[in-house]
Amino acid sequence: MRHLKFIARTIFVQNNDVDAACRTLNRILGREDILDQFRRTRFFEKPHQFRRRINFEKCKAIYNEDMDRKIQFVLRKNRADPFPGSF
């Protein structure tokens, strides 16, 4: 198939249910931040707003990474001390 790379972004309408297809498309676009990028580029973003947004996104990514690591540590099953910090 020549257009195989576009198959992941193809939304099929099943049983003439266009609303469900639109919801699926919006969910995919939202998950991949395409809608946010579109909203950001509609208007000019001042340089200080741009720097602020970038710094916030970096801090958010670091926080999410730390929280994921902590959650994975708590959910591990083969720990020597299953409840660290408790007596």
PDB file of N, CA and C in Angstrom:
ATOM      1  N   MET A   1       0.845  -1.169   0.000  1.00  0.00           N
ATOM      2  CA  MET A   1       0.000   0.000   0.000  1.00  0.00           C
ATOM      3  C   MET A   1       0.897   1.241   0.000  1.00  0.00           C
ATOM      4  N   ARG A   2       0.634   2.179  -0.873  1.00  0.00           N
ATOM      5  CA  ARG A   2       1.493   3.349  -1.023  1.00  0.00           C
ATOM      6  C   ARG A   2       1.411   4.321   0.131  1.00  0.00           C
ATOM      7  N   HIS A   3       0.241   4.482   0.730  1.00  0.00           N
ATOM      8  CA  HIS A   3       0.040   5.482   1.773  1.00  0.00           C
ATOM      9  C   HIS A   3      -0.053   4.826   3.147  1.00  0.00           C
ATOM     10  N   LEU A   4       0.811   3.879   3.419  1.00  0.00           N
ATOM     11  CA  LEU A   4       0.737   3.145   4.674  1.00  0.00           C
ATOM     12  C   LEU A   4       1.041   4.034   5.872  1.00  0.00           C
ATOM     13  N   LYS A   5       1.903   5.062   5.723  1.00  0.00           N
ATOM     14  CA  LYS A   5       2.248   5.896   6.863  1.00  0.00           C
ATOM     15  C   LYS A   5       1.074   6.747   7.329  1.00  0.00           C
ATOM     16  N   PHE A   6       0.054   6.934   6.515  1.00  0.00           N
ATOM     17  CA  PHE A   6      -1.100   7.725   6.914  1.00  0.00           C
ATOM     18  C   PHE A   6      -2.218   6.874   7.505  1.00  0.00           C
ATOM     19  N   ILE A   7      -2.063   5.577   7.546  1.00  0.00           N
ATOM     20  CA  ILE A   7      -3.146   4.711   8.022  1.00  0.00           C
ATOM     21  C   ILE A   7      -3.383   4.909   9.520  1.00  0.00           C
ATOM     22  N   ALA A   8      -2.350   5.299  10.283  1.00  0.00           N
ATOM     23  CA  ALA A   8      -2.525   5.492  11.722  1.00  0.00           C
ATOM     24  C   ALA A   8      -3.393   6.706  12.009  1.00  0.00           C
ATOM     25  N   ARG A   9      -3.451   7.660  11.100  1.00  0.00           N
ATOM     26  CA  ARG A   9      -4.248   8.861  11.311  1.00  0.00           C
ATOM     27  C   ARG A   9      -5.563   8.814  10.548  1.00  0.00           C
ATOM     28  N   THR A  10      -5.929   7.673  10.033  1.00  0.00           N
ATOM     29  CA  THR A  10      -7.172   7.536   9.291  1.00  0.00           C
ATOM     30  C   THR A  10      -8.277   7.103  10.241  1.00  0.00           C
ATOM     31  N   ILE A  11      -9.376   7.828  10.218  1.00  0.00           N
ATOM     32  CA  ILE A  11     -10.531   7.505  11.059  1.00  0.00           C
ATOM     33  C   ILE A  11     -11.618   6.962  10.143  1.00  0.00           C
ATOM     34  N   PHE A  12     -12.031   5.747  10.422  1.00  0.00           N
ATOM     35  CA  PHE A  12     -13.076   5.131   9.618  1.00  0.00           C
ATOM     36  C   PHE A  12     -14.434   5.408  10.248  1.00  0.00           C
ATOM     37  N   VAL A  13     -15.407   5.764   9.419  1.00  0.00           N
ATOM     38  CA  VAL A  13     -16.781   5.979   9.876  1.00  0.00           C
ATOM     39  C   VAL A  13     -17.507   4.659   9.750  1.00  0.00           C
ATOM     40  N   GLN A  14     -17.977   4.167  10.879  1.00  0.00           N
ATOM     41  CA  GLN A  14     -18.665   2.878  10.880  1.00  0.00           C
ATOM     42  C   GLN A  14     -20.158   3.096  11.115  1.00  0.00           C
ATOM     43  N   ASN A  15     -20.972   2.427  10.358  1.00  0.00           N
ATOM     44  CA  ASN A  15     -22.434   2.473  10.468  1.00  0.00           C
ATOM     45  C   ASN A  15     -22.966   3.903  10.365  1.00  0.00           C
ATOM     46  N   ASN A  16     -22.361   4.719   9.516  1.00  0.00           N
ATOM     47  CA  ASN A  16     -22.772   6.109   9.316  1.00  0.00           C
ATOM     48  C   ASN A  16     -22.794   6.915  10.612  1.00  0.00           C
ATOM     49  N   ASP A  17     -21.954   6.565  11.570  1.00  0.00           N
ATOM     50  CA  ASP A  17     -21.880   7.262  12.854  1.00  0.00           C
ATOM     51  C   ASP A  17     -20.742   8.283  12.793  1.00  0.00           C
ATOM     52  N   VAL A  18     -21.044   9.453  12.246  1.00  0.00           N
ATOM     53  CA  VAL A  18     -20.028  10.491  12.055  1.00  0.00           C
ATOM     54  C   VAL A  18     -19.636  11.112  13.392  1.00  0.00           C
ATOM     55  N   ASP A  19     -20.581  11.203  14.328  1.00  0.00           N
ATOM     56  CA  ASP A  19     -20.276  11.805  15.627  1.00  0.00           C
ATOM     57  C   ASP A  19     -19.206  11.008  16.372  1.00  0.00           C
ATOM     58  N   ALA A  20     -19.308   9.693  16.349  1.00  0.00           N
ATOM     59  CA  ALA A  20     -18.299   8.865  17.018  1.00  0.00           C
ATOM     60  C   ALA A  20     -16.941   9.023  16.347  1.00  0.00           C
ATOM     61  N   ALA A  21     -16.936   9.132  15.032  1.00  0.00           N
ATOM     62  CA  ALA A  21     -15.672   9.327  14.311  1.00  0.00           C
ATOM     63  C   ALA A  21     -15.055  10.675  14.661  1.00  0.00           C
ATOM     64  N   CYS A  22     -15.886  11.714  14.784  1.00  0.00           N
ATOM     65  CA  CYS A  22     -15.378  13.034  15.175  1.00  0.00           C
ATOM     66  C   CYS A  22     -14.824  13.016  16.593  1.00  0.00           C
ATOM     67  N   ARG A  23     -15.497  12.322  17.501  1.00  0.00           N
ATOM     68  CA  ARG A  23     -14.984  12.221  18.873  1.00  0.00           C
ATOM     69  C   ARG A  23     -13.643  11.509  18.887  1.00  0.00           C
ATOM     70  N   THR A  24     -13.517  10.445  18.099  1.00  0.00           N
ATOM     71  CA  THR A  24     -12.251   9.719  18.017  1.00  0.00           C
ATOM     72  C   THR A  24     -11.145  10.608  17.462  1.00  0.00           C
ATOM     73  N   LEU A  25     -11.459  11.355  16.420  1.00  0.00           N
ATOM     74  CA  LEU A  25     -10.476  12.253  15.825  1.00  0.00           C
ATOM     75  C   LEU A  25     -10.047  13.334  16.813  1.00  0.00           C
ATOM     76  N   ASN A  26     -11.002  13.928  17.528  1.00  0.00           N
ATOM     77  CA  ASN A  26     -10.667  14.955  18.511  1.00  0.00           C
ATOM     78  C   ASN A  26      -9.823  14.393  19.639  1.00  0.00           C
ATOM     79  N   ARG A  27     -10.096  13.162  20.042  1.00  0.00           N
ATOM     80  CA  ARG A  27      -9.299  12.533  21.098  1.00  0.00           C
ATOM     81  C   ARG A  27      -7.861  12.322  20.636  1.00  0.00           C
ATOM     82  N   ILE A  28      -7.687  11.880  19.395  1.00  0.00           N
ATOM     83  CA  ILE A  28      -6.341  11.667  18.858  1.00  0.00           C
ATOM     84  C   ILE A  28      -5.602  12.995  18.737  1.00  0.00           C
ATOM     85  N   LEU A  29      -6.278  14.017  18.210  1.00  0.00           N
ATOM     86  CA  LEU A  29      -5.635  15.323  18.058  1.00  0.00           C
ATOM     87  C   LEU A  29      -5.289  15.935  19.410  1.00  0.00           C
ATOM     88  N   GLY A  30      -6.131  15.737  20.391  1.00  0.00           N
ATOM     89  CA  GLY A  30      -5.841  16.258  21.716  1.00  0.00           C
ATOM     90  C   GLY A  30      -4.700  15.533  22.390  1.00  0.00           C
ATOM     91  N   ARG A  31      -4.628  14.228  22.195  1.00  0.00           N
ATOM     92  CA  ARG A  31      -3.559  13.439  22.813  1.00  0.00           C
ATOM     93  C   ARG A  31      -2.201  13.791  22.236  1.00  0.00           C
ATOM     94  N   GLU A  32      -2.160  14.141  20.962  1.00  0.00           N
ATOM     95  CA  GLU A  32      -0.891  14.455  20.319  1.00  0.00           C
ATOM     96  C   GLU A  32      -0.589  15.952  20.338  1.00  0.00           C
ATOM     97  N   ASP A  33      -1.353  16.733  21.102  1.00  0.00           N
ATOM     98  CA  ASP A  33      -1.141  18.175  21.261  1.00  0.00           C
ATOM     99  C   ASP A  33      -1.213  18.948  19.961  1.00  0.00           C
ATOM    100  N   ILE A  34      -1.900  18.433  18.978  1.00  0.00           N
ATOM    101  CA  ILE A  34      -2.032  19.148  17.715  1.00  0.00           C
ATOM    102  C   ILE A  34      -3.005  20.318  17.875  1.00  0.00           C
ATOM    103  N   LEU A  35      -4.081  20.108  18.634  1.00  0.00           N
ATOM    104  CA  LEU A  35      -5.037  21.186  18.857  1.00  0.00           C
ATOM    105  C   LEU A  35      -4.412  22.310  19.665  1.00  0.00           C
ATOM    106  N   ASP A  36      -3.620  21.975  20.692  1.00  0.00           N
ATOM    107  CA  ASP A  36      -2.965  23.006  21.492  1.00  0.00           C
ATOM    108  C   ASP A  36      -1.981  23.803  20.645  1.00  0.00           C
ATOM    109  N   GLN A  37      -1.256  23.119  19.795  1.00  0.00           N
ATOM    110  CA  GLN A  37      -0.308  23.816  18.925  1.00  0.00           C
ATOM    111  C   GLN A  37      -1.047  24.746  17.965  1.00  0.00           C
ATOM    112  N   PHE A  38      -2.173  24.298  17.460  1.00  0.00           N
ATOM    113  CA  PHE A  38      -2.977  25.144  16.573  1.00  0.00           C
ATOM    114  C   PHE A  38      -3.480  26.382  17.312  1.00  0.00           C
ATOM    115  N   ARG A  39      -3.960  26.191  18.554  1.00  0.00           N
ATOM    116  CA  ARG A  39      -4.462  27.325  19.326  1.00  0.00           C
ATOM    117  C   ARG A  39      -3.343  28.314  19.658  1.00  0.00           C
ATOM    118  N   ARG A  40      -2.142  27.795  19.915  1.00  0.00           N
ATOM    119  CA  ARG A  40      -1.021  28.687  20.226  1.00  0.00           C
ATOM    120  C   ARG A  40      -0.590  29.512  19.032  1.00  0.00           C
ATOM    121  N   THR A  41      -0.680  28.971  17.837  1.00  0.00           N
ATOM    122  CA  THR A  41      -0.184  29.681  16.661  1.00  0.00           C
ATOM    123  C   THR A  41      -1.250  30.556  16.007  1.00  0.00           C
ATOM    124  N   ARG A  42      -2.446  30.587  16.558  1.00  0.00           N
ATOM    125  CA  ARG A  42      -3.471  31.461  15.992  1.00  0.00           C
ATOM    126  C   ARG A  42      -3.140  32.926  16.225  1.00  0.00           C
ATOM    127  N   PHE A  43      -2.540  33.227  17.374  1.00  0.00           N
ATOM    128  CA  PHE A  43      -2.185  34.589  17.732  1.00  0.00           C
ATOM    129  C   PHE A  43      -0.697  34.644  18.057  1.00  0.00           C
ATOM    130  N   PHE A  44      -0.149  35.827  17.975  1.00  0.00           N
ATOM    131  CA  PHE A  44       1.270  36.015  18.283  1.00  0.00           C
ATOM    132  C   PHE A  44       1.488  35.826  19.774  1.00  0.00           C
ATOM    133  N   GLU A  45       2.524  35.080  20.099  1.00  0.00           N
ATOM    134  CA  GLU A  45       2.878  34.853  21.488  1.00  0.00           C
ATOM    135  C   GLU A  45       4.117  35.687  21.799  1.00  0.00           C
ATOM    136  N   LYS A  46       4.006  36.569  22.769  1.00  0.00           N
ATOM    137  CA  LYS A  46       5.132  37.434  23.112  1.00  0.00           C
ATOM    138  C   LYS A  46       6.294  36.584  23.621  1.00  0.00           C
ATOM    139  N   PRO A  47       7.522  37.066  23.443  1.00  0.00           N
ATOM    140  CA  PRO A  47       8.680  36.263  23.851  1.00  0.00           C
ATOM    141  C   PRO A  47       8.675  35.873  25.329  1.00  0.00           C
ATOM    142  N   HIS A  48       8.221  36.775  26.210  1.00  0.00           N
ATOM    143  CA  HIS A  48       8.217  36.395  27.627  1.00  0.00           C
ATOM    144  C   HIS A  48       7.149  35.340  27.898  1.00  0.00           C
ATOM    145  N   GLN A  49       6.031  35.401  27.174  1.00  0.00           N
ATOM    146  CA  GLN A  49       5.010  34.355  27.331  1.00  0.00           C
ATOM    147  C   GLN A  49       5.524  33.026  26.801  1.00  0.00           C
ATOM    148  N   PHE A  50       6.271  33.071  25.710  1.00  0.00           N
ATOM    149  CA  PHE A  50       6.844  31.861  25.129  1.00  0.00           C
ATOM    150  C   PHE A  50       7.813  31.215  26.113  1.00  0.00           C
ATOM    151  N   ARG A  51       8.715  32.027  26.696  1.00  0.00           N
ATOM    152  CA  ARG A  51       9.679  31.494  27.663  1.00  0.00           C
ATOM    153  C   ARG A  51       8.977  30.927  28.879  1.00  0.00           C
ATOM    154  N   ARG A  52       7.944  31.630  29.341  1.00  0.00           N
ATOM    155  CA  ARG A  52       7.196  31.155  30.503  1.00  0.00           C
ATOM    156  C   ARG A  52       6.533  29.810  30.230  1.00  0.00           C
ATOM    157  N   ARG A  53       5.914  29.689  29.056  1.00  0.00           N
ATOM    158  CA  ARG A  53       5.239  28.443  28.699  1.00  0.00           C
ATOM    159  C   ARG A  53       6.232  27.297  28.577  1.00  0.00           C
ATOM    160  N   ILE A  54       7.375  27.555  27.933  1.00  0.00           N
ATOM    161  CA  ILE A  54       8.386  26.510  27.762  1.00  0.00           C
ATOM    162  C   ILE A  54       8.913  26.063  29.119  1.00  0.00           C
ATOM    163  N   ASN A  55       9.208  27.017  30.016  1.00  0.00           N
ATOM    164  CA  ASN A  55       9.699  26.664  31.349  1.00  0.00           C
ATOM    165  C   ASN A  55       8.658  25.878  32.129  1.00  0.00           C
ATOM    166  N   PHE A  56       7.390  26.265  32.001  1.00  0.00           N
ATOM    167  CA  PHE A  56       6.325  25.531  32.683  1.00  0.00           C
ATOM    168  C   PHE A  56       6.236  24.104  32.157  1.00  0.00           C
ATOM    169  N   GLU A  57       6.327  23.934  30.834  1.00  0.00           N
ATOM    170  CA  GLU A  57       6.250  22.587  30.255  1.00  0.00           C
ATOM    171  C   GLU A  57       7.425  21.732  30.709  1.00  0.00           C
ATOM    172  N   LYS A  58       8.622  22.330  30.815  1.00  0.00           N
ATOM    173  CA  LYS A  58       9.778  21.567  31.297  1.00  0.00           C
ATOM    174  C   LYS A  58       9.592  21.137  32.739  1.00  0.00           C
ATOM    175  N   CYS A  59       9.133  22.070  33.581  1.00  0.00           N
ATOM    176  CA  CYS A  59       8.905  21.738  34.985  1.00  0.00           C
ATOM    177  C   CYS A  59       7.829  20.671  35.132  1.00  0.00           C
ATOM    178  N   LYS A  60       6.794  20.768  34.328  1.00  0.00           N
ATOM    179  CA  LYS A  60       5.710  19.782  34.374  1.00  0.00           C
ATOM    180  C   LYS A  60       6.209  18.407  33.959  1.00  0.00           C
ATOM    181  N   ALA A  61       7.068  18.365  32.926  1.00  0.00           N
ATOM    182  CA  ALA A  61       7.616  17.079  32.480  1.00  0.00           C
ATOM    183  C   ALA A  61       8.498  16.465  33.559  1.00  0.00           C
ATOM    184  N   ILE A  62       9.312  17.273  34.229  1.00  0.00           N
ATOM    185  CA  ILE A  62      10.173  16.769  35.302  1.00  0.00           C
ATOM    186  C   ILE A  62       9.319  16.254  36.455  1.00  0.00           C
ATOM    187  N   TYR A  63       8.298  17.011  36.829  1.00  0.00           N
ATOM    188  CA  TYR A  63       7.413  16.588  37.917  1.00  0.00           C
ATOM    189  C   TYR A  63       6.715  15.280  37.572  1.00  0.00           C
ATOM    190  N   ASN A  64       6.184  15.182  36.356  1.00  0.00           N
ATOM    191  CA  ASN A  64       5.489  13.955  35.959  1.00  0.00           C
ATOM    192  C   ASN A  64       6.437  12.761  35.943  1.00  0.00           C
ATOM    193  N   GLU A  65       7.672  12.978  35.501  1.00  0.00           N
ATOM    194  CA  GLU A  65       8.644  11.888  35.489  1.00  0.00           C
ATOM    195  C   GLU A  65       8.957  11.421  36.913  1.00  0.00           C
ATOM    196  N   ASP A  66       9.134  12.373  37.844  1.00  0.00           N
ATOM    197  CA  ASP A  66       9.393  12.014  39.235  1.00  0.00           C
ATOM    198  C   ASP A  66       8.219  11.262  39.842  1.00  0.00           C
ATOM    199  N   MET A  67       7.006  11.747  39.578  1.00  0.00           N
ATOM    200  CA  MET A  67       5.831  11.074  40.136  1.00  0.00           C
ATOM    201  C   MET A  67       5.659   9.680  39.558  1.00  0.00           C
ATOM    202  N   ASP A  68       5.916   9.515  38.273  1.00  0.00           N
ATOM    203  CA  ASP A  68       5.834   8.180  37.671  1.00  0.00           C
ATOM    204  C   ASP A  68       6.835   7.228  38.321  1.00  0.00           C
ATOM    205  N   ARG A  69       8.064   7.735  38.569  1.00  0.00           N
ATOM    206  CA  ARG A  69       9.087   6.907  39.194  1.00  0.00           C
ATOM    207  C   ARG A  69       8.679   6.519  40.619  1.00  0.00           C
ATOM    208  N   LYS A  70       8.101   7.463  41.359  1.00  0.00           N
ATOM    209  CA  LYS A  70       7.656   7.166  42.724  1.00  0.00           C
ATOM    210  C   LYS A  70       6.507   6.160  42.724  1.00  0.00           C
ATOM    211  N   ILE A  71       5.577   6.328  41.797  1.00  0.00           N
ATOM    212  CA  ILE A  71       4.441   5.403  41.723  1.00  0.00           C
ATOM    213  C   ILE A  71       4.919   4.012  41.351  1.00  0.00           C
ATOM    214  N   GLN A  72       5.850   3.921  40.395  1.00  0.00           N
ATOM    215  CA  GLN A  72       6.388   2.608  40.016  1.00  0.00           C
ATOM    216  C   GLN A  72       7.128   1.967  41.176  1.00  0.00           C
ATOM    217  N   PHE A  73       7.815   2.763  41.996  1.00  0.00           N
ATOM    218  CA  PHE A  73       8.509   2.214  43.161  1.00  0.00           C
ATOM    219  C   PHE A  73       7.524   1.646  44.160  1.00  0.00           C
ATOM    220  N   VAL A  74       6.442   2.372  44.410  1.00  0.00           N
ATOM    221  CA  VAL A  74       5.450   1.909  45.378  1.00  0.00           C
ATOM    222  C   VAL A  74       4.735   0.670  44.863  1.00  0.00           C
ATOM    223  N   LEU A  75       4.531   0.575  43.553  1.00  0.00           N
ATOM    224  CA  LEU A  75       3.786  -0.556  42.997  1.00  0.00           C
ATOM    225  C   LEU A  75       4.632  -1.797  42.779  1.00  0.00           C
ATOM    226  N   ARG A  76       5.971  -1.693  42.988  1.00  0.00           N
ATOM    227  CA  ARG A  76       6.798  -2.895  42.823  1.00  0.00           C
ATOM    228  C   ARG A  76       6.390  -3.947  43.837  1.00  0.00           C
ATOM    229  N   LYS A  77       6.454  -5.180  43.444  1.00  0.00           N
ATOM    230  CA  LYS A  77       5.999  -6.258  44.318  1.00  0.00           C
ATOM    231  C   LYS A  77       7.153  -6.926  45.062  1.00  0.00           C
ATOM    232  N   ASN A  78       8.333  -6.968  44.484  1.00  0.00           N
ATOM    233  CA  ASN A  78       9.444  -7.695  45.095  1.00  0.00           C
ATOM    234  C   ASN A  78      10.393  -6.756  45.821  1.00  0.00           C
ATOM    235  N   ARG A  79       9.886  -6.072  46.830  1.00  0.00           N
ATOM    236  CA  ARG A  79      10.735  -5.195  47.630  1.00  0.00           C
ATOM    237  C   ARG A  79      11.107  -5.906  48.914  1.00  0.00           C
ATOM    238  N   ALA A  80      12.297  -5.596  49.442  1.00  0.00           N
ATOM    239  CA  ALA A  80      12.711  -6.175  50.719  1.00  0.00           C
ATOM    240  C   ALA A  80      11.804  -5.655  51.827  1.00  0.00           C
ATOM    241  N   ASP A  81      11.530  -4.359  51.823  1.00  0.00           N
ATOM    242  CA  ASP A  81      10.624  -3.755  52.794  1.00  0.00           C
ATOM    243  C   ASP A  81       9.390  -3.285  52.031  1.00  0.00           C
ATOM    244  N   PRO A  82       8.292  -4.023  52.099  1.00  0.00           N
ATOM    245  CA  PRO A  82       7.139  -3.679  51.275  1.00  0.00           C
ATOM    246  C   PRO A  82       6.517  -2.333  51.631  1.00  0.00           C
ATOM    247  N   PHE A  83       6.714  -1.859  52.863  1.00  0.00           N
ATOM    248  CA  PHE A  83       6.145  -0.584  53.278  1.00  0.00           C
ATOM    249  C   PHE A  83       7.253   0.289  53.858  1.00  0.00           C
ATOM    250  N   PRO A  84       8.048   0.937  52.993  1.00  0.00           N
ATOM    251  CA  PRO A  84       9.166   1.728  53.519  1.00  0.00           C
ATOM    252  C   PRO A  84       8.675   2.932  54.318  1.00  0.00           C
ATOM    253  N   GLY A  85       9.325   3.172  55.427  1.00  0.00           N
ATOM    254  CA  GLY A  85       8.973   4.315  56.250  1.00  0.00           C
ATOM    255  C   GLY A  85       7.914   4.025  57.292  1.00  0.00           C
ATOM    256  N   SER A  86       7.305   2.864  57.274  1.00  0.00           N
ATOM    257  CA  SER A  86       6.299   2.536  58.289  1.00  0.00           C
ATOM    258  C   SER A  86       6.907   1.593  59.328  1.00  0.00           C
ATOM    259  N   PHE A  87       6.287   1.560  60.485  1.00  0.00           N
ATOM    260  CA  PHE A  87       6.826   0.727  61.574  1.00  0.00           C
ATOM    261  C   PHE A  87       6.026  -0.524  61.761  1.00  0.00           C
TER     262      PHE A  87
END
